[in-house]
Amino acid sequence: MTSKSKDQLNAALNVVQAIAETIRELGEVPSGELYARLVGKLDLPDYEEVIRILKETGLVTETPGHLLRWNEPQTKAQ
């Protein structure tokens, strides 16, 4: 992997982490409002990809009204 590829990967991971942290801190946020705050920093396809990743990992749920909610990680029963 080239240095440029590593830098791009690190930048992408930082974006995902920052958006996840924002949703976690707020508890829930309308997706459109969150995107509006990111306009100029992130284009819509990239934003949608970040939200898809967060939903697929189970960290975030999206309601039919596009409200993003943070899901507390489930702990395994012992």
Protein backbone atom coordinates (compact mmCIF):
# COMPACT_ATOMS: atom_id res chain seq x y z
CA MET A 1 0.00 0.00 0.00
CA THR A 2 1.38 3.37 -0.96
CA SER A 3 1.74 6.21 1.49
CA LYS A 4 -0.99 8.11 -0.35
CA SER A 5 -3.35 5.12 -0.01
CA LYS A 6 -2.59 4.88 3.71
CA ASP A 7 -3.24 8.58 4.13
CA GLN A 8 -6.54 8.29 2.26
CA LEU A 9 -7.59 5.29 4.34
CA ASN A 10 -6.70 7.07 7.58
CA ALA A 11 -8.62 10.15 6.47
CA ALA A 12 -11.69 8.03 5.62
CA LEU A 13 -11.55 6.25 8.97
CA ASN A 14 -11.25 9.59 10.76
CA VAL A 15 -14.38 10.85 8.98
CA VAL A 16 -16.37 7.73 9.93
CA GLN A 17 -15.15 8.02 13.53
CA ALA A 18 -15.98 11.72 13.75
CA ILE A 19 -19.51 11.25 12.42
CA ALA A 20 -20.08 8.25 14.69
CA GLU A 21 -18.87 10.25 17.69
CA THR A 22 -21.17 13.14 16.79
CA ILE A 23 -24.21 10.85 16.61
CA ARG A 24 -23.17 9.14 19.86
CA GLU A 25 -22.86 12.44 21.70
CA LEU A 26 -26.21 13.71 20.42
CA GLY A 27 -28.01 10.40 20.95
CA GLU A 28 -30.10 11.10 17.86
CA VAL A 29 -30.02 13.64 15.04
CA PRO A 30 -31.97 14.16 11.82
CA SER A 31 -29.81 12.90 8.97
CA GLY A 32 -30.52 15.98 6.86
CA GLU A 33 -29.44 18.30 9.65
CA LEU A 34 -26.21 16.38 10.14
CA TYR A 35 -25.48 16.42 6.42
CA ALA A 36 -26.27 20.15 6.19
CA ARG A 37 -23.52 20.79 8.74
CA LEU A 38 -21.08 18.79 6.62
CA VAL A 39 -21.85 20.39 3.23
CA GLY A 40 -18.61 21.63 1.73
CA LYS A 41 -16.59 19.12 3.72
CA LEU A 42 -18.21 15.89 2.47
CA ASP A 43 -20.27 15.24 -0.64
CA LEU A 44 -23.63 13.45 -0.46
CA PRO A 45 -22.47 10.05 -1.82
CA ASP A 46 -19.62 9.94 0.71
CA TYR A 47 -21.97 10.98 3.53
CA GLU A 48 -24.44 8.26 2.55
CA GLU A 49 -21.61 5.71 2.51
CA VAL A 50 -20.53 6.69 6.04
CA ILE A 51 -24.12 6.35 7.29
CA ARG A 52 -24.43 2.97 5.52
CA ILE A 53 -21.26 1.75 7.25
CA LEU A 54 -22.51 2.91 10.67
CA LYS A 55 -25.88 1.23 10.12
CA GLU A 56 -24.31 -2.02 8.89
CA THR A 57 -22.06 -2.18 11.96
CA GLY A 58 -25.12 -1.76 14.17
CA LEU A 59 -23.84 1.41 15.80
CA VAL A 60 -26.61 3.54 14.28
CA THR A 61 -30.24 2.96 13.32
CA GLU A 62 -32.17 5.16 10.92
CA THR A 63 -35.92 5.62 11.30
CA PRO A 64 -38.26 5.90 8.30
CA GLY A 65 -38.18 9.68 8.97
CA HIS A 66 -34.36 9.68 8.60
CA LEU A 67 -33.62 10.21 12.28
CA LEU A 68 -30.23 8.70 13.10
CA ARG A 69 -30.08 7.08 16.54
CA TRP A 70 -27.03 5.82 18.37
CA ASN A 71 -27.29 2.22 19.52
CA GLU A 72 -25.54 1.33 22.73
CA PRO A 73 -23.20 -1.58 22.02
CA GLN A 74 -24.61 -4.85 23.28
CA THR A 75 -22.47 -6.70 25.79
CA LYS A 76 -22.31 -10.47 25.63
CA ALA A 77 -24.05 -12.25 28.50
CA GLN A 78 -21.63 -14.22 30.59
